[in-house]
């Protein structure tokens, strides 16, 4: 049996200096009065489905607890926390709850589900996610977090500020990616991968610091549509996110409130996933009608992409710790791949 050492918590000084509440205070060892939490989302716009559902969820929780637990949501970029540091901020208690989509730096095992060309459908995404879930829970626990629930966006495809209609068009382009694993796809076809959080994307597109993004129509396609000209609909990978809570803050809640929070997070995650996949085609049609050129990949391009990226799955696994390698093996067994 492998024993995992809990990672020491380091305060995020910038956020603490900004006056955000810390959950780690020992003054309230038990919940004796109404509790107010701060929640933070990676979603850079209140228009996005995950944030709208987060707002609805916290309202239901406040009503169900008669105000004993109040959760104040914040959209990505509104707090002095980089979206890539959400897991750390939550584990440190700078925020007590979060919607974490840029977790791979802190939770490397999450990279299994971001490997390009490994997952090819929603059904496969959910099957692989279930196989990896125990390892994800352990990884978040080591960071001082409770993993409450897991949801999915549709396939991440390629969008550009200039025409992109084939794999060969990626050569020389600077494209914003959501994980190092996704970035490997861009590098293997001659582009430059740049990882930045959602709040920084509009200015990067406007300045030319990036010339495109990988996202879904219901995600970045929806909120950055005015800055994009083309979409090459090759499904590189699927993007997922987690609702998490600070473990100390969570453990101070009454058991009934803990169970309520888990149920609400799980039903919210399911609703987000359903809405994303239901609306993806509709938003794609709307964006095409608005002037974005949509190009479906040729079968030979899909086959070429899979052939180019399949060796990377093994290469990536060899660089990981044992628990991540085991999670990769579990996902591949679940996918028969």
Protein backbone atom coordinates (compact mmCIF):
# COMPACT_ATOMS: atom_id res chain seq x y z
CA UNK A 1 0.00 0.00 0.00
CA UNK A 2 1.33 3.43 -0.93
CA UNK A 3 1.15 6.01 1.85
CA UNK A 4 0.52 9.54 0.65
CA UNK A 5 2.03 12.46 2.53
CA UNK A 6 -0.29 15.40 2.95
CA UNK A 7 1.07 18.40 1.08
CA UNK A 8 1.77 21.32 3.46
CA UNK A 9 -0.49 24.28 2.94
CA UNK A 10 1.00 27.58 1.93
CA UNK A 11 -1.13 30.74 2.26
CA UNK A 12 -1.78 32.68 -0.90
CA UNK A 13 -0.43 36.00 0.32
CA UNK A 14 -1.99 38.13 -2.37
CA UNK A 15 -5.47 36.85 -1.68
CA UNK A 16 -5.03 36.97 2.08
CA UNK A 17 -3.78 40.54 1.84
CA UNK A 18 -6.89 41.39 -0.15
CA UNK A 19 -8.98 40.46 2.86
CA UNK A 20 -10.51 37.18 1.72
CA UNK A 21 -11.63 35.00 4.66
CA UNK A 22 -9.50 32.06 5.70
CA UNK A 23 -11.28 28.84 6.61
CA UNK A 24 -8.37 27.59 8.71
CA UNK A 25 -9.16 29.76 11.73
CA UNK A 26 -9.35 27.70 14.91
CA UNK A 27 -11.68 30.21 16.57
CA UNK A 28 -14.76 28.32 15.39
CA UNK A 29 -14.09 24.65 15.96
CA UNK A 30 -17.77 23.86 15.55
CA UNK A 31 -20.61 25.48 13.67
CA UNK A 32 -22.41 27.51 16.37
CA UNK A 33 -23.69 30.36 14.18
CA UNK A 34 -24.54 30.97 10.54
CA UNK A 35 -21.51 30.36 8.35
CA UNK A 36 -20.60 32.30 5.23
CA UNK A 37 -18.33 30.78 2.62
CA UNK A 38 -16.62 32.34 -0.37
CA UNK A 39 -16.82 30.36 -3.60
CA UNK A 40 -14.69 31.01 -6.69
CA UNK A 41 -15.17 29.78 -10.25
CA UNK A 42 -12.71 29.40 -13.11
CA UNK A 43 -15.57 30.47 -15.45
CA UNK A 44 -14.66 33.94 -16.73
CA UNK A 45 -18.25 35.01 -17.43
CA UNK A 46 -21.51 34.93 -15.54
CA UNK A 47 -23.15 33.98 -18.87
CA UNK A 48 -21.55 30.54 -18.81
CA UNK A 49 -23.64 27.55 -17.78
CA UNK A 50 -21.42 26.41 -14.86
CA UNK A 51 -21.53 29.80 -13.19
CA UNK A 52 -25.29 30.17 -13.62
CA UNK A 53 -25.78 26.74 -12.05
CA UNK A 54 -23.34 27.58 -9.24
CA UNK A 55 -25.40 30.64 -8.38
CA UNK A 56 -28.61 28.61 -8.35
CA UNK A 57 -27.01 25.87 -6.24
CA UNK A 58 -25.80 28.19 -3.48
CA UNK A 59 -29.25 29.81 -3.30
CA UNK A 60 -30.84 26.40 -2.80
CA UNK A 61 -28.31 25.52 -0.09
CA UNK A 62 -28.99 28.76 1.79
CA UNK A 63 -32.74 28.14 1.62
CA UNK A 64 -32.44 24.47 2.64
CA UNK A 65 -30.31 25.36 5.68
CA UNK A 66 -32.48 28.37 6.65
CA UNK A 67 -29.46 30.59 6.21
CA UNK A 68 -27.12 28.47 8.34
CA UNK A 69 -24.77 28.11 5.35
CA UNK A 70 -24.41 31.03 2.97
CA UNK A 71 -22.07 30.68 0.00
CA UNK A 72 -21.07 33.79 -1.96
CA UNK A 73 -20.00 32.91 -5.55
CA UNK A 74 -17.40 34.88 -7.51
CA UNK A 75 -16.77 34.71 -11.24
CA UNK A 76 -13.27 33.93 -12.57
CA UNK A 77 -10.99 36.98 -12.51
CA UNK A 78 -13.00 38.81 -9.84
CA UNK A 79 -10.71 37.71 -6.99
CA UNK A 80 -6.89 37.97 -6.87
CA UNK A 81 -6.51 34.24 -7.51
CA UNK A 82 -5.13 32.88 -10.76
CA UNK A 83 -7.53 30.27 -12.08
CA UNK A 84 -4.63 27.79 -12.25
CA UNK A 85 -4.22 28.16 -8.46
CA UNK A 86 -7.82 27.41 -7.46
CA UNK A 87 -6.99 24.05 -5.87
CA UNK A 88 -4.28 25.65 -3.75
CA UNK A 89 -6.50 28.57 -2.79
CA UNK A 90 -9.24 26.19 -1.70
CA UNK A 91 -6.89 23.91 0.22
CA UNK A 92 -5.33 26.94 1.94
CA UNK A 93 -8.77 28.17 2.97
CA UNK A 94 -8.56 31.42 1.02
CA UNK A 95 -11.89 30.32 -0.43
CA UNK A 96 -14.03 27.58 1.02
CA UNK A 97 -15.58 26.27 -2.19
CA UNK A 98 -14.58 26.35 -5.84
CA UNK A 99 -15.37 25.33 -9.38
CA UNK A 100 -11.96 24.12 -10.57
CA UNK A 101 -11.26 23.62 -14.27
CA UNK A 102 -7.52 24.39 -14.45
CA UNK A 103 -6.39 21.79 -11.93
CA UNK A 104 -3.72 19.81 -13.79
CA UNK A 105 -0.77 21.72 -12.29
CA UNK A 106 -1.93 20.92 -8.75
CA UNK A 107 -3.68 17.62 -9.51
CA UNK A 108 -1.51 15.88 -12.13
CA UNK A 109 -3.71 12.78 -12.23
CA UNK A 110 -6.39 14.99 -13.76
CA UNK A 111 -4.23 15.09 -16.89
CA UNK A 112 -5.33 11.54 -17.68
CA UNK A 113 -8.73 12.88 -18.75
CA UNK A 114 -7.14 15.66 -20.83
CA UNK A 115 -4.92 13.43 -22.99
CA UNK A 116 -5.52 14.36 -26.64
CA UNK A 117 -7.43 11.87 -28.79
CA UNK A 118 -7.85 9.40 -25.89
CA UNK A 119 -11.55 10.12 -25.26
CA UNK A 120 -13.86 10.30 -28.25
CA UNK A 121 -17.39 10.78 -26.90
CA UNK A 122 -19.38 11.88 -23.87
CA UNK A 123 -20.02 8.26 -22.96
CA UNK A 124 -16.29 7.53 -23.04
CA UNK A 125 -15.56 10.67 -21.00
CA UNK A 126 -17.91 9.60 -18.23
CA UNK A 127 -16.62 6.02 -18.29
CA UNK A 128 -12.99 7.18 -18.02
CA UNK A 129 -13.93 9.73 -15.36
CA UNK A 130 -15.49 7.05 -13.18
CA UNK A 131 -12.36 4.91 -13.49
CA UNK A 132 -10.09 7.79 -12.43
CA UNK A 133 -12.37 9.23 -9.73
CA UNK A 134 -10.77 7.44 -6.71
CA UNK A 135 -7.32 8.75 -7.66
CA UNK A 136 -8.72 12.26 -8.16
CA UNK A 137 -10.34 12.20 -4.71
CA UNK A 138 -7.04 11.15 -3.11
CA UNK A 139 -5.13 13.85 -4.97
CA UNK A 140 -7.52 16.59 -3.89
CA UNK A 141 -7.47 15.28 -0.31
CA UNK A 142 -3.68 15.66 -0.24
CA UNK A 143 -4.24 19.29 -1.26
CA UNK A 144 -6.65 19.84 1.62
CA UNK A 145 -9.81 19.63 -0.49
CA UNK A 146 -12.94 17.51 -0.67
CA UNK A 147 -13.97 16.58 -4.22
CA UNK A 148 -17.73 17.07 -4.34
CA UNK A 149 -18.62 16.44 -7.98
CA UNK A 150 -17.37 16.28 -11.56
CA UNK A 151 -18.87 17.63 -14.79
CA UNK A 152 -18.02 17.85 -18.49
CA UNK A 153 -17.94 20.23 -21.42
CA UNK A 154 -18.36 18.92 -24.98
CA UNK A 155 -15.35 18.27 -27.19
CA UNK A 156 -12.62 20.89 -27.30
CA UNK A 157 -12.17 21.96 -30.91
CA UNK A 158 -9.87 24.49 -32.55
CA UNK A 159 -10.89 28.13 -33.07
CA UNK A 160 -8.88 30.85 -34.78
CA UNK A 161 -8.70 34.57 -35.35
CA UNK A 162 -7.72 33.57 -38.90
CA UNK A 163 -8.87 30.69 -41.14
CA UNK A 164 -8.08 27.22 -39.74
CA UNK A 165 -9.45 24.33 -41.80
CA UNK A 166 -6.91 21.51 -41.45
CA UNK A 167 -4.18 20.13 -39.23
CA UNK A 168 -1.59 21.71 -41.49
CA UNK A 169 -3.04 25.16 -40.74
CA UNK A 170 -1.84 24.81 -37.12
CA UNK A 171 1.80 25.18 -38.12
CA UNK A 172 3.26 28.39 -36.75
CA UNK A 173 0.12 29.43 -34.85
CA UNK A 174 0.02 30.47 -31.19
CA UNK A 175 -2.96 28.77 -29.58
CA UNK A 176 -4.31 29.01 -26.06
CA UNK A 177 -4.73 25.58 -24.45
CA UNK A 178 -6.26 24.49 -21.15
CA UNK A 179 -3.61 21.96 -20.08
CA UNK A 180 -0.08 20.83 -20.96
CA UNK A 181 -1.57 17.62 -22.32
CA UNK A 182 -3.75 19.53 -24.75
CA UNK A 183 -0.72 21.64 -25.62
CA UNK A 184 1.12 18.55 -26.81
CA UNK A 185 -1.42 18.17 -29.61
CA UNK A 186 -0.66 21.68 -30.85
CA UNK A 187 3.11 21.17 -30.61
CA UNK A 188 2.97 17.92 -32.57
CA UNK A 189 1.39 19.78 -35.46
CA UNK A 190 3.84 22.66 -35.45
CA UNK A 191 2.03 25.25 -33.35
CA UNK A 192 2.92 27.00 -30.10
CA UNK A 193 0.79 26.17 -27.04
CA UNK A 194 0.12 28.91 -24.51
CA UNK A 195 -1.67 28.28 -21.19
CA UNK A 196 -3.56 31.24 -19.75
CA UNK A 197 -6.72 31.52 -17.68
CA UNK A 198 -10.06 32.45 -19.19
CA UNK A 199 -10.09 36.05 -17.93
CA UNK A 200 -6.87 36.79 -19.88
CA UNK A 201 -8.05 35.31 -23.19
CA UNK A 202 -9.89 38.31 -24.73
CA UNK A 203 -6.92 40.66 -24.40
CA UNK A 204 -4.57 37.96 -25.69
CA UNK A 205 -6.75 37.42 -28.77
CA UNK A 206 -7.04 41.15 -29.38
CA UNK A 207 -3.29 41.75 -29.10
CA UNK A 208 -2.31 38.70 -31.17
CA UNK A 209 -0.51 37.12 -28.21
CA UNK A 210 -2.61 34.10 -29.12
CA UNK A 211 -4.20 33.46 -32.52
CA UNK A 212 -6.76 30.92 -31.44
CA UNK A 213 -8.12 28.77 -28.64
CA UNK A 214 -9.26 25.23 -27.95
CA UNK A 215 -12.73 25.26 -26.47
CA UNK A 216 -16.33 24.18 -27.00
CA UNK A 217 -19.08 26.27 -28.58
CA UNK A 218 -20.91 26.41 -25.23
CA UNK A 219 -17.70 27.56 -23.53
CA UNK A 220 -15.24 30.00 -25.03
CA UNK A 221 -16.95 29.92 -28.42
CA UNK A 222 -19.95 31.58 -26.82
CA UNK A 223 -18.16 34.33 -24.92
CA UNK A 224 -15.29 35.07 -27.36
CA UNK A 225 -17.29 34.80 -30.58
CA UNK A 226 -16.66 38.42 -31.57
CA UNK A 227 -12.90 37.76 -31.63
CA UNK A 228 -12.97 34.50 -33.62
CA UNK A 229 -13.27 33.87 -37.37
CA UNK A 230 -13.03 30.10 -37.80
CA UNK A 231 -13.60 26.79 -36.06
CA UNK A 232 -11.95 23.54 -37.10
CA UNK A 233 -14.23 20.94 -35.52
CA UNK A 234 -11.67 18.23 -34.79
CA UNK A 235 -12.33 16.90 -31.28
CA UNK A 236 -8.95 17.13 -29.55
CA UNK A 237 -10.13 16.20 -26.05
CA UNK A 238 -12.87 16.80 -23.50
CA UNK A 239 -12.68 19.47 -20.79
CA UNK A 240 -13.91 18.67 -17.30
CA UNK A 241 -14.19 20.51 -13.99
CA UNK A 242 -14.77 19.78 -10.31
CA UNK A 243 -16.71 21.33 -7.47
CA UNK A 244 -14.44 21.18 -4.44
CA UNK A 245 -14.50 22.40 -0.84
CA UNK A 246 -11.88 23.17 1.78
CA UNK A 247 -11.74 20.05 3.92
CA UNK A 248 -11.47 21.84 7.29
CA UNK A 249 -14.43 24.11 6.51
CA UNK A 250 -16.40 21.14 5.19
CA UNK A 251 -15.66 19.00 8.25
CA UNK A 252 -16.90 21.77 10.58
CA UNK A 253 -20.34 21.62 8.99
CA UNK A 254 -23.04 19.44 10.59
CA UNK A 255 -23.27 16.03 8.96
CA UNK A 256 -26.66 16.82 7.43
CA UNK A 257 -25.25 19.96 5.82
CA UNK A 258 -22.29 18.03 4.45
CA UNK A 259 -24.65 15.53 2.87
CA UNK A 260 -26.80 18.34 1.45
CA UNK A 261 -23.72 20.02 -0.06
CA UNK A 262 -22.61 16.77 -1.70
CA UNK A 263 -26.08 16.09 -3.11
CA UNK A 264 -26.46 19.60 -4.45
CA UNK A 265 -22.97 19.58 -6.01
CA UNK A 266 -23.63 16.22 -7.66
CA UNK A 267 -27.03 17.19 -9.06
CA UNK A 268 -25.62 20.52 -10.25
CA UNK A 269 -22.72 18.82 -12.01
CA UNK A 270 -25.15 16.47 -13.77
CA UNK A 271 -27.35 19.39 -14.83
CA UNK A 272 -24.36 21.30 -16.20
CA UNK A 273 -23.17 18.32 -18.22
CA UNK A 274 -26.65 17.71 -19.63
CA UNK A 275 -27.12 21.36 -20.58
CA UNK A 276 -23.68 21.58 -22.19
CA UNK A 277 -24.22 18.62 -24.47
CA UNK A 278 -27.82 19.57 -25.24
CA UNK A 279 -26.86 23.09 -26.32
CA UNK A 280 -23.56 22.46 -28.13
CA UNK A 281 -25.07 21.91 -31.59
CA UNK A 282 -27.45 24.84 -31.17
CA UNK A 283 -24.66 27.25 -30.22
CA UNK A 284 -22.48 25.96 -33.06
CA UNK A 285 -25.26 26.76 -35.56
CA UNK A 286 -25.73 30.21 -34.03
CA UNK A 287 -22.01 30.95 -34.24
CA UNK A 288 -21.91 29.80 -37.87
CA UNK A 289 -24.88 32.04 -38.66
CA UNK A 290 -22.98 34.89 -36.98
CA UNK A 291 -20.12 34.57 -39.44
CA UNK A 292 -17.66 32.06 -37.95
CA UNK A 293 -16.54 29.57 -40.61
CA UNK A 294 -17.07 26.00 -39.41
CA UNK A 295 -15.00 23.20 -40.99
CA UNK A 296 -15.56 19.53 -40.22
CA UNK A 297 -12.37 17.43 -40.17
CA UNK A 298 -11.74 14.94 -42.94
CA UNK A 299 -11.59 11.28 -41.83
CA UNK A 300 -7.93 11.13 -42.83
CA UNK A 301 -7.16 14.09 -40.55
CA UNK A 302 -8.85 12.35 -37.60
CA UNK A 303 -6.89 9.16 -38.28
CA UNK A 304 -3.67 11.15 -38.63
CA UNK A 305 -4.26 12.93 -35.33
CA UNK A 306 -4.93 9.68 -33.48
CA UNK A 307 -1.85 8.05 -34.95
CA UNK A 308 0.32 11.03 -34.03
CA UNK A 309 -0.95 11.31 -30.45
CA UNK A 310 -1.39 7.67 -29.35
CA UNK A 311 2.33 7.25 -28.53
CA UNK A 312 2.11 10.32 -26.32
CA UNK A 313 -0.23 8.53 -23.91
CA UNK A 314 2.56 6.10 -22.97
CA UNK A 315 5.23 8.82 -22.99
CA UNK A 316 3.12 10.96 -20.66
CA UNK A 317 2.43 8.06 -18.31
CA UNK A 318 6.10 7.20 -17.98
CA UNK A 319 6.79 10.68 -16.61
CA UNK A 320 4.14 10.45 -13.88
CA UNK A 321 4.05 9.14 -10.32
CA UNK A 322 2.80 5.62 -9.67
CA UNK A 323 -0.76 6.62 -8.72
CA UNK A 324 -1.16 8.62 -11.93
CA UNK A 325 0.20 5.75 -14.02
CA UNK A 326 -2.30 3.44 -12.33
CA UNK A 327 -5.13 5.88 -13.06
CA UNK A 328 -4.09 6.05 -16.71
CA UNK A 329 -4.11 2.28 -16.91
CA UNK A 330 -7.59 2.21 -15.32
CA UNK A 331 -8.90 4.75 -17.84
CA UNK A 332 -7.45 2.84 -20.77
CA UNK A 333 -8.97 -0.42 -19.51
CA UNK A 334 -12.33 1.31 -19.22
CA UNK A 335 -11.99 2.54 -22.80
CA UNK A 336 -10.44 -0.69 -24.16
CA UNK A 337 -7.69 1.49 -25.53
